[in-house]
């Protein structure tokens, strides 16, 4: 996050980096992810989030990369990815034209006196309670990254023991412009 200078020269406003979602379909072969990561590393591009999983066709994997375009122009990133042999298809997914989601697993301290409020926060945010014991609870939430941020902040006062987020994934909305089915 960077600070912007106001008209008096003081730093006041915090600006978030501009992120773009890039979806790749790649051949499901050893070393492909290493080549993608190497490309970003060599060029000094910053990856904000990365998720990889097989597609409906076992020959291919879908790679969802959220890139910080402050580290390099988006077109330069796309051009470099297009040069990789195992990349079959590249598309930029605009947030208005894509379904975007993320998954969060979290274990939170749960003293007996805090448990009712903590369980209410879990239910209020639509999370699923996976496990509970006398010391902690583990919950799962899938959804919009902003909803996960909100849930994380709501349970933070209880004490986060462990936290894992998958990173963003996305598919183009049906009927959106582009090359979706």
N, C-alpha and C. Protein backbone atom coordinates (compact mmCIF):
# COMPACT_ATOMS: atom_id res chain seq x y z
N UNK A 1 0.84 -1.16 0.00
CA UNK A 1 0.00 0.00 0.00
C UNK A 1 0.90 1.23 0.00
N UNK A 2 0.52 2.24 -0.75
CA UNK A 2 1.34 3.44 -0.82
C UNK A 2 0.56 4.63 -0.31
N UNK A 3 1.31 5.65 0.08
CA UNK A 3 0.69 6.88 0.54
C UNK A 3 0.81 7.93 -0.55
N UNK A 4 -0.23 8.71 -0.70
CA UNK A 4 -0.23 9.78 -1.67
C UNK A 4 -0.01 11.11 -0.96
N UNK A 5 0.63 12.04 -1.62
CA UNK A 5 0.85 13.36 -1.02
C UNK A 5 -0.36 14.24 -1.29
N UNK A 6 -0.79 14.99 -0.28
CA UNK A 6 -1.88 15.95 -0.50
C UNK A 6 -1.28 17.25 -1.02
N UNK A 7 -2.12 18.27 -1.25
CA UNK A 7 -1.66 19.51 -1.86
C UNK A 7 -0.67 20.27 -0.97
N UNK A 8 -0.65 19.98 0.35
CA UNK A 8 0.29 20.64 1.24
C UNK A 8 1.61 19.90 1.35
N UNK A 9 1.69 18.76 0.66
CA UNK A 9 2.92 17.98 0.69
C UNK A 9 2.91 16.89 1.74
N UNK A 10 1.88 16.84 2.58
CA UNK A 10 1.79 15.81 3.60
C UNK A 10 1.22 14.52 3.04
N UNK A 11 1.57 13.40 3.65
CA UNK A 11 1.02 12.12 3.23
C UNK A 11 -0.29 11.89 3.95
N UNK A 12 -1.35 11.64 3.18
CA UNK A 12 -2.64 11.49 3.83
C UNK A 12 -3.43 10.29 3.36
N UNK A 13 -3.53 10.10 2.09
CA UNK A 13 -4.46 9.12 1.55
C UNK A 13 -3.72 7.83 1.21
N UNK A 14 -4.27 6.74 1.63
CA UNK A 14 -3.69 5.45 1.33
C UNK A 14 -4.31 4.93 0.03
N UNK A 15 -3.48 4.48 -0.89
CA UNK A 15 -3.98 3.98 -2.18
C UNK A 15 -3.64 2.50 -2.31
N UNK A 16 -4.62 1.69 -2.67
CA UNK A 16 -4.38 0.26 -2.87
C UNK A 16 -3.78 0.05 -4.25
N UNK A 17 -2.92 -0.95 -4.37
CA UNK A 17 -2.40 -1.26 -5.70
C UNK A 17 -3.53 -1.67 -6.64
N UNK A 18 -3.38 -1.41 -7.89
CA UNK A 18 -4.39 -1.80 -8.88
C UNK A 18 -4.14 -3.25 -9.25
N UNK A 19 -5.12 -4.10 -8.99
CA UNK A 19 -4.99 -5.52 -9.27
C UNK A 19 -5.87 -5.91 -10.45
N UNK A 20 -5.37 -6.84 -11.24
CA UNK A 20 -6.13 -7.40 -12.36
C UNK A 20 -6.05 -8.91 -12.28
N UNK A 21 -7.17 -9.56 -12.62
CA UNK A 21 -7.22 -11.03 -12.65
C UNK A 21 -6.89 -11.49 -14.05
N UNK A 22 -5.91 -12.38 -14.15
CA UNK A 22 -5.55 -12.98 -15.42
C UNK A 22 -5.81 -14.48 -15.29
N UNK A 23 -6.56 -15.02 -16.24
CA UNK A 23 -6.86 -16.46 -16.24
C UNK A 23 -6.09 -17.11 -17.37
N UNK A 24 -5.39 -18.18 -17.03
CA UNK A 24 -4.63 -18.93 -18.03
C UNK A 24 -5.15 -20.35 -18.08
N UNK A 25 -5.19 -20.91 -19.26
CA UNK A 25 -5.36 -22.35 -19.41
C UNK A 25 -4.01 -22.83 -19.90
N UNK A 26 -3.43 -23.78 -19.15
CA UNK A 26 -2.09 -24.27 -19.46
C UNK A 26 -2.12 -25.78 -19.60
N UNK A 27 -1.15 -26.30 -20.34
CA UNK A 27 -1.00 -27.75 -20.43
C UNK A 27 -0.65 -28.28 -19.05
N UNK A 28 -1.25 -29.36 -18.68
CA UNK A 28 -1.05 -29.95 -17.36
C UNK A 28 0.24 -30.79 -17.38
N UNK A 29 1.38 -30.11 -17.41
CA UNK A 29 2.69 -30.77 -17.50
C UNK A 29 3.61 -30.26 -16.40
N UNK A 30 4.56 -31.09 -16.03
CA UNK A 30 5.53 -30.72 -15.00
C UNK A 30 6.31 -29.48 -15.43
N UNK A 31 6.50 -28.58 -14.49
CA UNK A 31 7.33 -27.40 -14.72
C UNK A 31 6.61 -26.18 -15.24
N UNK A 32 5.34 -26.30 -15.62
CA UNK A 32 4.63 -25.14 -16.19
C UNK A 32 4.51 -24.03 -15.16
N UNK A 33 4.09 -24.37 -13.94
CA UNK A 33 3.94 -23.34 -12.91
C UNK A 33 5.29 -22.70 -12.59
N UNK A 34 6.34 -23.48 -12.57
CA UNK A 34 7.68 -22.93 -12.32
C UNK A 34 8.06 -21.93 -13.41
N UNK A 35 7.72 -22.23 -14.66
CA UNK A 35 8.04 -21.30 -15.75
C UNK A 35 7.23 -20.01 -15.62
N UNK A 36 5.97 -20.12 -15.21
CA UNK A 36 5.15 -18.92 -15.02
C UNK A 36 5.72 -18.08 -13.88
N UNK A 37 6.01 -18.72 -12.76
CA UNK A 37 6.57 -18.00 -11.61
C UNK A 37 7.92 -17.39 -11.96
N UNK A 38 8.74 -18.12 -12.72
CA UNK A 38 10.03 -17.61 -13.13
C UNK A 38 9.90 -16.37 -14.01
N UNK A 39 8.92 -16.39 -14.90
CA UNK A 39 8.69 -15.23 -15.76
C UNK A 39 8.38 -14.00 -14.91
N UNK A 40 7.50 -14.16 -13.92
CA UNK A 40 7.15 -13.03 -13.06
C UNK A 40 8.37 -12.57 -12.27
N UNK A 41 9.14 -13.50 -11.77
CA UNK A 41 10.32 -13.16 -10.98
C UNK A 41 11.37 -12.43 -11.82
N UNK A 42 11.68 -12.96 -13.00
CA UNK A 42 12.69 -12.35 -13.86
C UNK A 42 12.32 -10.94 -14.28
N UNK A 43 11.05 -10.71 -14.52
CA UNK A 43 10.60 -9.40 -15.00
C UNK A 43 10.28 -8.43 -13.86
N UNK A 44 10.32 -8.91 -12.62
CA UNK A 44 10.02 -8.03 -11.49
C UNK A 44 8.53 -7.75 -11.34
N UNK A 45 7.68 -8.62 -11.91
CA UNK A 45 6.24 -8.45 -11.77
C UNK A 45 5.83 -9.00 -10.41
N UNK A 46 4.86 -8.38 -9.78
CA UNK A 46 4.39 -8.83 -8.48
C UNK A 46 3.09 -9.62 -8.61
N UNK A 47 3.06 -10.83 -8.03
CA UNK A 47 1.85 -11.64 -7.98
C UNK A 47 1.18 -11.38 -6.64
N UNK A 48 -0.06 -10.93 -6.68
CA UNK A 48 -0.82 -10.70 -5.46
C UNK A 48 -1.46 -11.99 -4.97
N UNK A 49 -1.94 -12.82 -5.89
CA UNK A 49 -2.60 -14.07 -5.56
C UNK A 49 -2.43 -15.04 -6.71
N UNK A 50 -2.33 -16.34 -6.38
CA UNK A 50 -2.13 -17.36 -7.40
C UNK A 50 -2.88 -18.62 -6.99
N UNK A 51 -3.69 -19.16 -7.87
CA UNK A 51 -4.40 -20.42 -7.62
C UNK A 51 -4.33 -21.27 -8.87
N UNK A 52 -4.07 -22.56 -8.69
CA UNK A 52 -3.94 -23.49 -9.82
C UNK A 52 -4.72 -24.75 -9.50
N UNK A 53 -5.47 -25.25 -10.50
CA UNK A 53 -6.20 -26.51 -10.33
C UNK A 53 -6.53 -27.08 -11.70
N UNK A 54 -6.74 -28.40 -11.76
CA UNK A 54 -7.13 -29.01 -13.04
C UNK A 54 -8.48 -28.45 -13.52
N UNK A 55 -8.67 -28.51 -14.83
CA UNK A 55 -9.94 -28.09 -15.43
C UNK A 55 -10.83 -29.31 -15.64
N UNK A 56 -11.91 -29.11 -16.36
CA UNK A 56 -12.80 -30.22 -16.71
C UNK A 56 -12.13 -31.23 -17.64
N UNK A 57 -11.05 -30.81 -18.29
CA UNK A 57 -10.26 -31.66 -19.17
C UNK A 57 -8.91 -31.92 -18.49
N UNK A 58 -8.62 -33.16 -18.16
CA UNK A 58 -7.42 -33.52 -17.39
C UNK A 58 -6.11 -33.11 -18.08
N UNK A 59 -6.14 -32.78 -19.36
CA UNK A 59 -4.92 -32.36 -20.06
C UNK A 59 -4.51 -30.94 -19.70
N UNK A 60 -5.44 -30.16 -19.08
CA UNK A 60 -5.19 -28.75 -18.84
C UNK A 60 -5.44 -28.37 -17.38
N UNK A 61 -4.79 -27.31 -16.95
CA UNK A 61 -5.04 -26.70 -15.64
C UNK A 61 -5.40 -25.24 -15.87
N UNK A 62 -6.19 -24.70 -14.96
CA UNK A 62 -6.54 -23.27 -14.99
C UNK A 62 -5.71 -22.59 -13.91
N UNK A 63 -5.05 -21.52 -14.30
CA UNK A 63 -4.23 -20.72 -13.39
C UNK A 63 -4.90 -19.36 -13.27
N UNK A 64 -5.27 -18.98 -12.05
CA UNK A 64 -5.82 -17.65 -11.79
C UNK A 64 -4.75 -16.85 -11.09
N UNK A 65 -4.36 -15.76 -11.71
CA UNK A 65 -3.30 -14.91 -11.16
C UNK A 65 -3.87 -13.50 -10.98
N UNK A 66 -3.76 -12.99 -9.77
CA UNK A 66 -4.09 -11.59 -9.53
C UNK A 66 -2.77 -10.86 -9.54
N UNK A 67 -2.61 -9.96 -10.51
CA UNK A 67 -1.34 -9.26 -10.68
C UNK A 67 -1.47 -7.81 -10.23
N UNK A 68 -0.39 -7.32 -9.70
CA UNK A 68 -0.29 -5.92 -9.30
C UNK A 68 0.25 -5.16 -10.51
N UNK A 69 -0.62 -4.42 -11.19
CA UNK A 69 -0.18 -3.75 -12.41
C UNK A 69 0.64 -2.49 -12.12
N UNK A 70 0.87 -2.21 -10.84
CA UNK A 70 1.79 -1.12 -10.51
C UNK A 70 3.23 -1.59 -10.75
N UNK A 71 3.46 -2.93 -10.68
CA UNK A 71 4.81 -3.44 -10.89
C UNK A 71 5.16 -3.53 -12.38
N UNK A 72 4.17 -3.59 -13.24
CA UNK A 72 4.40 -3.65 -14.69
C UNK A 72 3.06 -3.42 -15.38
N UNK A 73 3.08 -2.84 -16.58
CA UNK A 73 1.83 -2.66 -17.32
C UNK A 73 1.19 -4.00 -17.64
N UNK A 74 -0.13 -4.06 -17.55
CA UNK A 74 -0.85 -5.31 -17.77
C UNK A 74 -0.54 -5.90 -19.15
N UNK A 75 -0.51 -5.09 -20.18
CA UNK A 75 -0.25 -5.62 -21.53
C UNK A 75 1.12 -6.28 -21.60
N UNK A 76 2.10 -5.73 -20.90
CA UNK A 76 3.44 -6.35 -20.89
C UNK A 76 3.37 -7.72 -20.23
N UNK A 77 2.61 -7.83 -19.15
CA UNK A 77 2.45 -9.12 -18.47
C UNK A 77 1.80 -10.13 -19.41
N UNK A 78 0.72 -9.72 -20.07
CA UNK A 78 0.01 -10.61 -21.00
C UNK A 78 0.91 -11.03 -22.15
N UNK A 79 1.67 -10.10 -22.70
CA UNK A 79 2.58 -10.41 -23.80
C UNK A 79 3.64 -11.44 -23.39
N UNK A 80 4.19 -11.28 -22.19
CA UNK A 80 5.20 -12.22 -21.72
C UNK A 80 4.60 -13.61 -21.48
N UNK A 81 3.40 -13.67 -20.88
CA UNK A 81 2.74 -14.96 -20.66
C UNK A 81 2.45 -15.66 -21.98
N UNK A 82 2.09 -14.88 -23.00
CA UNK A 82 1.75 -15.44 -24.31
C UNK A 82 2.95 -16.12 -24.97
N UNK A 83 4.15 -15.76 -24.57
CA UNK A 83 5.36 -16.36 -25.14
C UNK A 83 5.67 -17.74 -24.56
N UNK A 84 5.04 -18.09 -23.44
CA UNK A 84 5.32 -19.40 -22.82
C UNK A 84 4.65 -20.50 -23.63
N UNK A 85 5.40 -21.54 -23.96
CA UNK A 85 4.95 -22.62 -24.84
C UNK A 85 3.72 -23.34 -24.29
N UNK A 86 3.69 -23.63 -23.00
CA UNK A 86 2.61 -24.44 -22.43
C UNK A 86 1.34 -23.65 -22.12
N UNK A 87 1.33 -22.35 -22.39
CA UNK A 87 0.13 -21.54 -22.17
C UNK A 87 -0.77 -21.68 -23.39
N UNK A 88 -1.98 -22.22 -23.18
CA UNK A 88 -2.91 -22.48 -24.28
C UNK A 88 -3.82 -21.28 -24.53
N UNK A 89 -4.23 -20.62 -23.44
CA UNK A 89 -5.17 -19.50 -23.58
C UNK A 89 -4.96 -18.52 -22.43
N UNK A 90 -5.08 -17.23 -22.73
CA UNK A 90 -4.95 -16.16 -21.73
C UNK A 90 -6.16 -15.24 -21.85
N UNK A 91 -6.72 -14.87 -20.71
CA UNK A 91 -7.74 -13.82 -20.73
C UNK A 91 -7.66 -13.00 -19.46
N UNK A 92 -7.94 -11.72 -19.61
CA UNK A 92 -8.06 -10.85 -18.44
C UNK A 92 -9.53 -10.88 -18.04
N UNK A 93 -9.79 -11.04 -16.76
CA UNK A 93 -11.17 -11.09 -16.28
C UNK A 93 -11.48 -9.82 -15.51
N UNK A 94 -12.29 -8.97 -16.11
CA UNK A 94 -12.73 -7.74 -15.45
C UNK A 94 -13.72 -8.13 -14.36
N UNK A 95 -13.64 -7.53 -13.17
CA UNK A 95 -14.54 -7.89 -12.07
C UNK A 95 -16.03 -7.83 -12.42
N UNK A 96 -16.42 -6.92 -13.29
CA UNK A 96 -17.83 -6.81 -13.67
C UNK A 96 -18.27 -7.92 -14.61
N UNK A 97 -17.33 -8.61 -15.23
CA UNK A 97 -17.66 -9.64 -16.20
C UNK A 97 -17.26 -11.04 -15.73
N UNK A 98 -16.98 -11.17 -14.43
CA UNK A 98 -16.52 -12.46 -13.92
C UNK A 98 -17.14 -12.77 -12.56
N UNK A 99 -17.30 -14.04 -12.31
CA UNK A 99 -17.65 -14.52 -10.98
C UNK A 99 -16.33 -14.77 -10.26
N UNK A 100 -16.14 -14.12 -9.12
CA UNK A 100 -14.87 -14.22 -8.41
C UNK A 100 -15.14 -14.74 -7.01
N UNK A 101 -14.29 -15.63 -6.53
CA UNK A 101 -14.47 -16.18 -5.19
C UNK A 101 -13.12 -16.52 -4.58
N UNK A 102 -13.15 -16.75 -3.28
CA UNK A 102 -11.97 -17.14 -2.53
C UNK A 102 -12.45 -18.02 -1.38
N UNK A 103 -11.57 -18.84 -0.86
CA UNK A 103 -11.90 -19.75 0.23
C UNK A 103 -11.00 -19.42 1.42
N UNK A 104 -11.58 -19.43 2.63
CA UNK A 104 -10.84 -19.16 3.85
C UNK A 104 -11.10 -20.26 4.86
N UNK A 105 -10.05 -20.78 5.44
CA UNK A 105 -10.12 -21.68 6.59
C UNK A 105 -9.47 -20.95 7.75
N UNK A 106 -10.13 -20.97 8.91
CA UNK A 106 -9.60 -20.21 10.05
C UNK A 106 -9.86 -20.95 11.35
N UNK A 107 -8.86 -20.95 12.21
CA UNK A 107 -9.01 -21.47 13.57
C UNK A 107 -8.87 -20.27 14.50
N UNK A 108 -9.85 -20.12 15.38
CA UNK A 108 -9.93 -18.97 16.28
C UNK A 108 -10.02 -19.46 17.72
N UNK A 109 -9.31 -18.78 18.61
CA UNK A 109 -9.42 -19.10 20.04
C UNK A 109 -10.86 -18.91 20.47
N UNK A 110 -11.32 -19.80 21.36
CA UNK A 110 -12.73 -19.72 21.78
C UNK A 110 -12.86 -20.06 23.26
N UNK A 111 -12.68 -19.03 24.08
CA UNK A 111 -12.93 -19.24 25.51
C UNK A 111 -14.42 -19.47 25.69
N UNK A 112 -14.76 -20.16 26.76
CA UNK A 112 -16.16 -20.52 27.00
C UNK A 112 -17.08 -19.30 26.99
N UNK A 113 -16.64 -18.21 27.61
CA UNK A 113 -17.49 -17.00 27.68
C UNK A 113 -17.61 -16.29 26.32
N UNK A 114 -16.66 -16.53 25.40
CA UNK A 114 -16.70 -15.90 24.07
C UNK A 114 -17.42 -16.74 23.03
N UNK A 115 -17.62 -18.02 23.33
CA UNK A 115 -18.14 -18.93 22.32
C UNK A 115 -19.48 -18.50 21.71
N UNK A 116 -20.49 -18.08 22.49
CA UNK A 116 -21.76 -17.68 21.85
C UNK A 116 -21.60 -16.52 20.86
N UNK A 117 -20.81 -15.51 21.22
CA UNK A 117 -20.61 -14.36 20.31
C UNK A 117 -19.81 -14.79 19.08
N UNK A 118 -18.82 -15.64 19.29
CA UNK A 118 -18.01 -16.11 18.16
C UNK A 118 -18.86 -16.96 17.21
N UNK A 119 -19.65 -17.85 17.73
CA UNK A 119 -20.52 -18.67 16.88
C UNK A 119 -21.56 -17.81 16.17
N UNK A 120 -22.02 -16.75 16.83
CA UNK A 120 -22.96 -15.82 16.17
C UNK A 120 -22.27 -15.10 15.00
N UNK A 121 -21.01 -14.71 15.19
CA UNK A 121 -20.27 -14.05 14.11
C UNK A 121 -20.05 -15.01 12.94
N UNK A 122 -19.78 -16.26 13.24
CA UNK A 122 -19.59 -17.27 12.20
C UNK A 122 -20.89 -17.43 11.41
N UNK A 123 -22.01 -17.55 12.12
CA UNK A 123 -23.31 -17.69 11.44
C UNK A 123 -23.68 -16.44 10.67
N UNK A 124 -23.45 -15.27 11.24
CA UNK A 124 -23.81 -14.00 10.59
C UNK A 124 -23.09 -13.83 9.25
N UNK A 125 -21.85 -14.28 9.16
CA UNK A 125 -21.08 -14.14 7.93
C UNK A 125 -21.28 -15.30 6.96
N UNK A 126 -22.10 -16.28 7.35
CA UNK A 126 -22.38 -17.41 6.47
C UNK A 126 -21.27 -18.44 6.43
N UNK A 127 -20.40 -18.42 7.43
CA UNK A 127 -19.32 -19.39 7.49
C UNK A 127 -19.86 -20.70 8.05
N UNK A 128 -19.14 -21.77 7.82
CA UNK A 128 -19.53 -23.09 8.32
C UNK A 128 -18.57 -23.50 9.42
N UNK A 129 -19.11 -23.86 10.57
CA UNK A 129 -18.31 -24.34 11.68
C UNK A 129 -17.89 -25.77 11.37
N UNK A 130 -16.60 -26.01 11.29
CA UNK A 130 -16.09 -27.34 10.94
C UNK A 130 -15.75 -28.18 12.16
N UNK A 131 -15.21 -27.53 13.19
CA UNK A 131 -14.75 -28.26 14.36
C UNK A 131 -14.68 -27.30 15.54
N UNK A 132 -14.94 -27.83 16.72
CA UNK A 132 -14.84 -27.02 17.93
C UNK A 132 -14.37 -27.91 19.07
N UNK A 133 -13.54 -27.33 19.93
CA UNK A 133 -13.20 -28.00 21.18
C UNK A 133 -13.22 -26.94 22.27
N UNK A 134 -12.72 -27.26 23.44
CA UNK A 134 -12.80 -26.31 24.56
C UNK A 134 -11.89 -25.10 24.39
N UNK A 135 -10.93 -25.13 23.46
CA UNK A 135 -9.98 -24.04 23.27
C UNK A 135 -10.17 -23.23 22.00
N UNK A 136 -10.74 -23.85 20.94
CA UNK A 136 -10.76 -23.17 19.65
C UNK A 136 -11.88 -23.70 18.76
N UNK A 137 -12.16 -22.94 17.70
CA UNK A 137 -13.10 -23.39 16.67
C UNK A 137 -12.43 -23.20 15.32
N UNK A 138 -12.78 -24.06 14.37
CA UNK A 138 -12.31 -23.93 13.00
C UNK A 138 -13.53 -23.73 12.11
N UNK A 139 -13.44 -22.72 11.23
CA UNK A 139 -14.57 -22.40 10.35
C UNK A 139 -14.07 -22.26 8.92
N UNK A 140 -15.02 -22.37 8.00
CA UNK A 140 -14.75 -22.28 6.57
C UNK A 140 -15.72 -21.26 5.97
N UNK A 141 -15.20 -20.40 5.12
CA UNK A 141 -16.04 -19.43 4.42
C UNK A 141 -15.56 -19.33 2.98
N UNK A 142 -16.49 -19.41 2.05
CA UNK A 142 -16.19 -19.21 0.63
C UNK A 142 -17.03 -18.03 0.15
N UNK A 143 -16.43 -17.19 -0.67
CA UNK A 143 -17.20 -16.07 -1.21
C UNK A 143 -16.31 -14.97 -1.75
N UNK A 144 -16.90 -13.81 -1.85
CA UNK A 144 -16.23 -12.63 -2.33
C UNK A 144 -15.07 -12.27 -1.40
N UNK A 145 -13.92 -11.89 -1.94
CA UNK A 145 -12.79 -11.54 -1.08
C UNK A 145 -13.11 -10.48 -0.03
N UNK A 146 -13.96 -9.52 -0.35
CA UNK A 146 -14.33 -8.49 0.63
C UNK A 146 -15.12 -9.11 1.79
N UNK A 147 -15.96 -10.11 1.51
CA UNK A 147 -16.71 -10.78 2.58
C UNK A 147 -15.75 -11.55 3.48
N UNK A 148 -14.72 -12.15 2.91
CA UNK A 148 -13.73 -12.86 3.71
C UNK A 148 -12.94 -11.89 4.58
N UNK A 149 -12.61 -10.73 4.02
CA UNK A 149 -11.92 -9.70 4.81
C UNK A 149 -12.78 -9.28 6.00
N UNK A 150 -14.07 -9.07 5.76
CA UNK A 150 -15.00 -8.65 6.81
C UNK A 150 -15.09 -9.71 7.91
N UNK A 151 -15.21 -10.97 7.51
CA UNK A 151 -15.28 -12.06 8.48
C UNK A 151 -13.99 -12.15 9.29
N UNK A 152 -12.86 -12.05 8.61
CA UNK A 152 -11.57 -12.12 9.30
C UNK A 152 -11.47 -11.02 10.36
N UNK A 153 -11.88 -9.82 10.02
CA UNK A 153 -11.83 -8.71 10.98
C UNK A 153 -12.80 -8.92 12.14
N UNK A 154 -13.96 -9.52 11.86
CA UNK A 154 -14.96 -9.76 12.91
C UNK A 154 -14.48 -10.75 13.96
N UNK A 155 -13.69 -11.75 13.55
CA UNK A 155 -13.24 -12.77 14.50
C UNK A 155 -11.83 -12.50 15.04
N UNK A 156 -11.15 -11.53 14.48
CA UNK A 156 -9.78 -11.21 14.92
C UNK A 156 -9.69 -10.92 16.43
N UNK A 157 -10.64 -10.20 17.03
CA UNK A 157 -10.53 -9.92 18.47
C UNK A 157 -10.49 -11.17 19.36
N UNK A 158 -10.99 -12.29 18.87
CA UNK A 158 -10.98 -13.52 19.67
C UNK A 158 -9.61 -14.20 19.66
N UNK A 159 -8.80 -13.86 18.67
CA UNK A 159 -7.45 -14.43 18.56
C UNK A 159 -7.37 -15.48 17.47
N UNK A 160 -6.79 -15.11 16.35
CA UNK A 160 -6.63 -16.05 15.25
C UNK A 160 -5.43 -16.95 15.55
N UNK A 161 -5.68 -18.26 15.55
CA UNK A 161 -4.64 -19.24 15.80
C UNK A 161 -3.96 -19.60 14.48
N UNK A 162 -4.75 -19.89 13.45
CA UNK A 162 -4.25 -20.21 12.12
C UNK A 162 -5.23 -19.68 11.09
N UNK A 163 -4.69 -19.32 9.93
CA UNK A 163 -5.51 -18.78 8.85
C UNK A 163 -4.91 -19.20 7.52
N UNK A 164 -5.76 -19.64 6.60
CA UNK A 164 -5.31 -19.96 5.24
C UNK A 164 -6.37 -19.48 4.26
N UNK A 165 -5.93 -18.72 3.26
CA UNK A 165 -6.81 -18.29 2.18
C UNK A 165 -6.26 -18.84 0.87
N UNK A 166 -7.17 -19.21 -0.03
CA UNK A 166 -6.75 -19.85 -1.27
C UNK A 166 -6.20 -18.88 -2.29
N UNK A 167 -6.58 -17.64 -2.23
CA UNK A 167 -6.32 -16.72 -3.33
C UNK A 167 -7.55 -16.71 -4.22
N UNK A 168 -7.67 -15.69 -5.02
CA UNK A 168 -8.87 -15.52 -5.84
C UNK A 168 -8.89 -16.46 -7.03
N UNK A 169 -10.09 -16.93 -7.33
CA UNK A 169 -10.33 -17.68 -8.55
C UNK A 169 -11.51 -17.02 -9.25
N UNK A 170 -11.61 -17.21 -10.55
CA UNK A 170 -12.69 -16.55 -11.29
C UNK A 170 -12.99 -17.27 -12.59
N UNK A 171 -14.23 -17.15 -13.01
CA UNK A 171 -14.68 -17.59 -14.33
C UNK A 171 -15.48 -16.45 -14.95
N UNK A 172 -15.36 -16.33 -16.25
CA UNK A 172 -16.11 -15.30 -16.97
C UNK A 172 -17.60 -15.58 -16.83
N UNK A 173 -18.38 -14.51 -16.62
CA UNK A 173 -19.84 -14.65 -16.52
C UNK A 173 -20.39 -15.09 -17.87
N UNK A 174 -21.41 -15.92 -17.83
CA UNK A 174 -22.07 -16.32 -19.08
C UNK A 174 -22.65 -15.09 -19.75
N UNK A 175 -22.49 -14.98 -21.02
CA UNK A 175 -23.00 -13.83 -21.75
C UNK A 175 -22.11 -12.62 -21.70
N UNK A 176 -21.00 -12.68 -20.95
CA UNK A 176 -20.07 -11.55 -20.91
C UNK A 176 -19.29 -11.53 -22.22
N UNK A 177 -18.84 -10.35 -22.58
CA UNK A 177 -18.05 -10.21 -23.81
C UNK A 177 -16.78 -11.03 -23.69
N UNK A 178 -16.37 -11.60 -24.75
CA UNK A 178 -15.12 -12.38 -24.73
C UNK A 178 -15.34 -13.77 -25.24
N UNK A 179 -14.55 -14.68 -24.72
CA UNK A 179 -14.49 -15.99 -25.30
C UNK A 179 -15.09 -17.07 -24.40
N UNK A 180 -16.01 -16.71 -23.52
CA UNK A 180 -16.65 -17.70 -22.65
C UNK A 180 -17.66 -18.52 -23.45
N UNK A 181 -18.08 -19.67 -22.93
CA UNK A 181 -19.04 -20.50 -23.66
C UNK A 181 -20.36 -19.79 -23.88
